[in-house]
């Protein structure tokens, strides 16, 4: 089925991100909920979290 699919040799590959720990995932969810409630959750902010450019603050 995918025999005719070809990927160009010069395609830019994104680096693989490590899967966050469960605790980190919980902090990310809390931060996203906080941002959403504050009206600060934008597609750009969400993208930053999903690409690893932004992380959740450390818990106190």
PDB file of N, CA and C in Angstrom:
ATOM      1  N   UNK A   1       0.821  -1.195   0.000  1.00  0.00           N
ATOM      2  CA  UNK A   1       0.000   0.000   0.000  1.00  0.00           C
ATOM      3  C   UNK A   1       0.864   1.258   0.000  1.00  0.00           C
ATOM      4  N   UNK A   2       1.947   1.253   0.739  1.00  0.00           N
ATOM      5  CA  UNK A   2       2.815   2.427   0.793  1.00  0.00           C
ATOM      6  C   UNK A   2       4.037   2.275  -0.097  1.00  0.00           C
ATOM      7  N   UNK A   3       3.976   1.333  -1.032  1.00  0.00           N
ATOM      8  CA  UNK A   3       5.114   1.084  -1.911  1.00  0.00           C
ATOM      9  C   UNK A   3       5.490   2.290  -2.748  1.00  0.00           C
ATOM     10  N   UNK A   4       4.501   3.109  -3.107  1.00  0.00           N
ATOM     11  CA  UNK A   4       4.782   4.259  -3.962  1.00  0.00           C
ATOM     12  C   UNK A   4       5.096   5.526  -3.162  1.00  0.00           C
ATOM     13  N   UNK A   5       5.220   5.397  -1.854  1.00  0.00           N
ATOM     14  CA  UNK A   5       5.544   6.545  -1.012  1.00  0.00           C
ATOM     15  C   UNK A   5       7.052   6.718  -0.959  1.00  0.00           C
ATOM     16  N   UNK A   6       7.515   7.879  -1.312  1.00  0.00           N
ATOM     17  CA  UNK A   6       8.950   8.124  -1.236  1.00  0.00           C
ATOM     18  C   UNK A   6       9.198   9.394  -0.438  1.00  0.00           C
ATOM     19  N   UNK A   7      10.174   9.336   0.415  1.00  0.00           N
ATOM     20  CA  UNK A   7      10.540  10.478   1.255  1.00  0.00           C
ATOM     21  C   UNK A   7      11.827  11.057   0.695  1.00  0.00           C
ATOM     22  N   UNK A   8      11.827  12.346   0.381  1.00  0.00           N
ATOM     23  CA  UNK A   8      13.040  12.955  -0.167  1.00  0.00           C
ATOM     24  C   UNK A   8      14.228  12.776   0.781  1.00  0.00           C
ATOM     25  N   UNK A   9      15.395  12.569   0.216  1.00  0.00           N
ATOM     26  CA  UNK A   9      16.619  12.374   0.997  1.00  0.00           C
ATOM     27  C   UNK A   9      16.974  13.606   1.827  1.00  0.00           C
ATOM     28  N   UNK A  10      16.676  14.787   1.297  1.00  0.00           N
ATOM     29  CA  UNK A  10      17.091  16.020   1.961  1.00  0.00           C
ATOM     30  C   UNK A  10      16.030  16.576   2.915  1.00  0.00           C
ATOM     31  N   UNK A  11      15.044  15.761   3.275  1.00  0.00           N
ATOM     32  CA  UNK A  11      13.994  16.245   4.166  1.00  0.00           C
ATOM     33  C   UNK A  11      14.584  16.534   5.545  1.00  0.00           C
ATOM     34  N   UNK A  12      14.124  17.617   6.138  1.00  0.00           N
ATOM     35  CA  UNK A  12      14.610  18.001   7.461  1.00  0.00           C
ATOM     36  C   UNK A  12      13.896  17.148   8.508  1.00  0.00           C
ATOM     37  N   UNK A  13      14.664  16.394   9.264  1.00  0.00           N
ATOM     38  CA  UNK A  13      14.079  15.550  10.297  1.00  0.00           C
ATOM     39  C   UNK A  13      14.129  16.277  11.627  1.00  0.00           C
ATOM     40  N   UNK A  14      13.022  16.231  12.336  1.00  0.00           N
ATOM     41  CA  UNK A  14      12.964  16.853  13.658  1.00  0.00           C
ATOM     42  C   UNK A  14      13.575  15.900  14.666  1.00  0.00           C
ATOM     43  N   UNK A  15      14.293  16.425  15.638  1.00  0.00           N
ATOM     44  CA  UNK A  15      14.858  15.536  16.661  1.00  0.00           C
ATOM     45  C   UNK A  15      13.744  14.920  17.504  1.00  0.00           C
ATOM     46  N   UNK A  16      13.956  13.694  17.927  1.00  0.00           N
ATOM     47  CA  UNK A  16      12.969  13.042  18.775  1.00  0.00           C
ATOM     48  C   UNK A  16      13.047  13.629  20.172  1.00  0.00           C
ATOM     49  N   UNK A  17      11.885  13.860  20.761  1.00  0.00           N
ATOM     50  CA  UNK A  17      11.824  14.374  22.123  1.00  0.00           C
ATOM     51  C   UNK A  17      11.640  13.216  23.085  1.00  0.00           C
ATOM     52  N   UNK A  18      12.305  13.311  24.211  1.00  0.00           N
ATOM     53  CA  UNK A  18      12.110  12.301  25.243  1.00  0.00           C
ATOM     54  C   UNK A  18      10.697  12.456  25.805  1.00  0.00           C
ATOM     55  N   UNK A  19      10.076  11.333  26.122  1.00  0.00           N
ATOM     56  CA  UNK A  19       8.731  11.390  26.708  1.00  0.00           C
ATOM     57  C   UNK A  19       8.870  11.874  28.146  1.00  0.00           C
ATOM     58  N   UNK A  20       8.122  12.922  28.510  1.00  0.00           N
ATOM     59  CA  UNK A  20       8.215  13.435  29.882  1.00  0.00           C
ATOM     60  C   UNK A  20       7.738  12.388  30.895  1.00  0.00           C
ATOM     61  N   UNK A  21       8.275  12.475  32.091  1.00  0.00           N
ATOM     62  CA  UNK A  21       7.827  11.586  33.158  1.00  0.00           C
ATOM     63  C   UNK A  21       6.364  11.872  33.475  1.00  0.00           C
ATOM     64  N   UNK A  22       5.731  10.968  34.194  1.00  0.00           N
ATOM     65  CA  UNK A  22       4.329  11.163  34.571  1.00  0.00           C
ATOM     66  C   UNK A  22       4.181  12.450  35.378  1.00  0.00           C
ATOM     67  N   UNK A  23       5.120  12.702  36.281  1.00  0.00           N
ATOM     68  CA  UNK A  23       5.050  13.930  37.095  1.00  0.00           C
ATOM     69  C   UNK A  23       5.166  15.172  36.220  1.00  0.00           C
ATOM     70  N   UNK A  24       6.062  15.139  35.249  1.00  0.00           N
ATOM     71  CA  UNK A  24       6.213  16.269  34.329  1.00  0.00           C
ATOM     72  C   UNK A  24       4.945  16.442  33.497  1.00  0.00           C
ATOM     73  N   UNK A  25       4.351  15.345  33.047  1.00  0.00           N
ATOM     74  CA  UNK A  25       3.112  15.417  32.278  1.00  0.00           C
ATOM     75  C   UNK A  25       1.999  16.054  33.112  1.00  0.00           C
ATOM     76  N   UNK A  26       1.925  15.706  34.377  1.00  0.00           N
ATOM     77  CA  UNK A  26       0.913  16.293  35.260  1.00  0.00           C
ATOM     78  C   UNK A  26       1.134  17.792  35.420  1.00  0.00           C
ATOM     79  N   UNK A  27       2.413  18.211  35.556  1.00  0.00           N
ATOM     80  CA  UNK A  27       2.705  19.646  35.681  1.00  0.00           C
ATOM     81  C   UNK A  27       2.344  20.388  34.393  1.00  0.00           C
ATOM     82  N   UNK A  28       2.591  19.750  33.257  1.00  0.00           N
ATOM     83  CA  UNK A  28       2.246  20.371  31.973  1.00  0.00           C
ATOM     84  C   UNK A  28       0.738  20.560  31.881  1.00  0.00           C
ATOM     85  N   UNK A  29      -0.023  19.537  32.245  1.00  0.00           N
ATOM     86  CA  UNK A  29      -1.489  19.634  32.199  1.00  0.00           C
ATOM     87  C   UNK A  29      -1.971  20.744  33.123  1.00  0.00           C
ATOM     88  N   UNK A  30      -1.404  20.810  34.338  1.00  0.00           N
ATOM     89  CA  UNK A  30      -1.792  21.871  35.278  1.00  0.00           C
ATOM     90  C   UNK A  30      -1.493  23.249  34.700  1.00  0.00           C
ATOM     91  N   UNK A  31      -0.330  23.392  34.078  1.00  0.00           N
ATOM     92  CA  UNK A  31       0.055  24.681  33.494  1.00  0.00           C
ATOM     93  C   UNK A  31      -0.865  25.034  32.326  1.00  0.00           C
ATOM     94  N   UNK A  32      -1.183  24.058  31.480  1.00  0.00           N
ATOM     95  CA  UNK A  32      -2.079  24.324  30.353  1.00  0.00           C
ATOM     96  C   UNK A  32      -3.472  24.726  30.841  1.00  0.00           C
ATOM     97  N   UNK A  33      -3.971  24.071  31.879  1.00  0.00           N
ATOM     98  CA  UNK A  33      -5.270  24.441  32.448  1.00  0.00           C
ATOM     99  C   UNK A  33      -5.219  25.849  33.015  1.00  0.00           C
ATOM    100  N   UNK A  34      -4.122  26.177  33.713  1.00  0.00           N
ATOM    101  CA  UNK A  34      -3.980  27.517  34.285  1.00  0.00           C
ATOM    102  C   UNK A  34      -3.972  28.568  33.178  1.00  0.00           C
ATOM    103  N   UNK A  35      -3.210  28.300  32.124  1.00  0.00           N
ATOM    104  CA  UNK A  35      -3.140  29.243  31.007  1.00  0.00           C
ATOM    105  C   UNK A  35      -4.497  29.391  30.327  1.00  0.00           C
ATOM    106  N   UNK A  36      -5.215  28.285  30.185  1.00  0.00           N
ATOM    107  CA  UNK A  36      -6.536  28.343  29.560  1.00  0.00           C
ATOM    108  C   UNK A  36      -7.500  29.177  30.398  1.00  0.00           C
ATOM    109  N   UNK A  37      -7.495  28.975  31.711  1.00  0.00           N
ATOM    110  CA  UNK A  37      -8.379  29.741  32.598  1.00  0.00           C
ATOM    111  C   UNK A  37      -8.045  31.226  32.577  1.00  0.00           C
ATOM    112  N   UNK A  38      -6.760  31.542  32.398  1.00  0.00           N
ATOM    113  CA  UNK A  38      -6.329  32.933  32.358  1.00  0.00           C
ATOM    114  C   UNK A  38      -6.522  33.548  30.970  1.00  0.00           C
ATOM    115  N   UNK A  39      -6.957  32.728  30.007  1.00  0.00           N
ATOM    116  CA  UNK A  39      -7.143  33.235  28.649  1.00  0.00           C
ATOM    117  C   UNK A  39      -5.837  33.442  27.916  1.00  0.00           C
ATOM    118  N   UNK A  40      -4.780  32.758  28.355  1.00  0.00           N
ATOM    119  CA  UNK A  40      -3.452  32.929  27.770  1.00  0.00           C
ATOM    120  C   UNK A  40      -3.007  31.741  26.932  1.00  0.00           C
ATOM    121  N   UNK A  41      -3.871  30.747  26.765  1.00  0.00           N
ATOM    122  CA  UNK A  41      -3.503  29.564  25.995  1.00  0.00           C
ATOM    123  C   UNK A  41      -3.775  29.833  24.521  1.00  0.00           C
ATOM    124  N   UNK A  42      -2.708  29.992  23.774  1.00  0.00           N
ATOM    125  CA  UNK A  42      -2.810  30.259  22.343  1.00  0.00           C
ATOM    126  C   UNK A  42      -2.238  29.066  21.583  1.00  0.00           C
ATOM    127  N   UNK A  43      -2.510  28.978  20.294  1.00  0.00           N
ATOM    128  CA  UNK A  43      -1.902  27.895  19.514  1.00  0.00           C
ATOM    129  C   UNK A  43      -0.370  27.916  19.593  1.00  0.00           C
ATOM    130  N   UNK A  44       0.208  29.100  19.673  1.00  0.00           N
ATOM    131  CA  UNK A  44       1.664  29.208  19.754  1.00  0.00           C
ATOM    132  C   UNK A  44       2.193  28.651  21.073  1.00  0.00           C
ATOM    133  N   UNK A  45       1.487  28.940  22.169  1.00  0.00           N
ATOM    134  CA  UNK A  45       1.891  28.431  23.485  1.00  0.00           C
ATOM    135  C   UNK A  45       1.763  26.915  23.500  1.00  0.00           C
ATOM    136  N   UNK A  46       0.663  26.399  22.985  1.00  0.00           N
ATOM    137  CA  UNK A  46       0.452  24.959  22.944  1.00  0.00           C
ATOM    138  C   UNK A  46       1.538  24.285  22.098  1.00  0.00           C
ATOM    139  N   UNK A  47       1.869  24.885  20.969  1.00  0.00           N
ATOM    140  CA  UNK A  47       2.930  24.337  20.113  1.00  0.00           C
ATOM    141  C   UNK A  47       4.260  24.309  20.854  1.00  0.00           C
ATOM    142  N   UNK A  48       4.545  25.354  21.628  1.00  0.00           N
ATOM    143  CA  UNK A  48       5.801  25.401  22.378  1.00  0.00           C
ATOM    144  C   UNK A  48       5.887  24.241  23.370  1.00  0.00           C
ATOM    145  N   UNK A  49       4.785  23.906  24.014  1.00  0.00           N
ATOM    146  CA  UNK A  49       4.781  22.767  24.934  1.00  0.00           C
ATOM    147  C   UNK A  49       4.951  21.457  24.171  1.00  0.00           C
ATOM    148  N   UNK A  50       4.275  21.315  23.048  1.00  0.00           N
ATOM    149  CA  UNK A  50       4.305  20.059  22.303  1.00  0.00           C
ATOM    150  C   UNK A  50       5.642  19.810  21.623  1.00  0.00           C
ATOM    151  N   UNK A  51       6.399  20.860  21.358  1.00  0.00           N
ATOM    152  CA  UNK A  51       7.690  20.696  20.698  1.00  0.00           C
ATOM    153  C   UNK A  51       8.857  20.728  21.674  1.00  0.00           C
ATOM    154  N   UNK A  52       8.558  20.884  22.955  1.00  0.00           N
ATOM    155  CA  UNK A  52       9.618  20.878  23.958  1.00  0.00           C
ATOM    156  C   UNK A  52      10.322  22.214  24.114  1.00  0.00           C
ATOM    157  N   UNK A  53       9.848  23.245  23.419  1.00  0.00           N
ATOM    158  CA  UNK A  53      10.470  24.565  23.546  1.00  0.00           C
ATOM    159  C   UNK A  53      10.083  25.229  24.860  1.00  0.00           C
ATOM    160  N   UNK A  54       9.014  24.745  25.458  1.00  0.00           N
ATOM    161  CA  UNK A  54       8.548  25.273  26.732  1.00  0.00           C
ATOM    162  C   UNK A  54       8.187  24.104  27.626  1.00  0.00           C
ATOM    163  N   UNK A  55       8.523  24.211  28.892  1.00  0.00           N
ATOM    164  CA  UNK A  55       8.200  23.157  29.850  1.00  0.00           C
ATOM    165  C   UNK A  55       7.408  23.741  30.998  1.00  0.00           C
ATOM    166  N   UNK A  56       6.806  22.864  31.760  1.00  0.00           N
ATOM    167  CA  UNK A  56       6.029  23.297  32.916  1.00  0.00           C
ATOM    168  C   UNK A  56       6.974  23.756  34.021  1.00  0.00           C
ATOM    169  N   UNK A  57       6.551  24.747  34.791  1.00  0.00           N
ATOM    170  CA  UNK A  57       7.391  25.186  35.912  1.00  0.00           C
ATOM    171  C   UNK A  57       7.541  24.065  36.933  1.00  0.00           C
ATOM    172  N   UNK A  58       8.665  24.056  37.618  1.00  0.00           N
ATOM    173  CA  UNK A  58       8.895  23.054  38.662  1.00  0.00           C
ATOM    174  C   UNK A  58       7.906  23.265  39.795  1.00  0.00           C
ATOM    175  N   UNK A  59       7.437  22.167  40.355  1.00  0.00           N
ATOM    176  CA  UNK A  59       6.510  22.276  41.488  1.00  0.00           C
ATOM    177  C   UNK A  59       7.276  22.686  42.735  1.00  0.00           C
ATOM    178  N   UNK A  60       6.567  23.365  43.602  1.00  0.00           N
ATOM    179  CA  UNK A  60       7.221  23.884  44.808  1.00  0.00           C
ATOM    180  C   UNK A  60       7.219  22.860  45.912  1.00  0.00           C
TER     181      UNK A  60
END
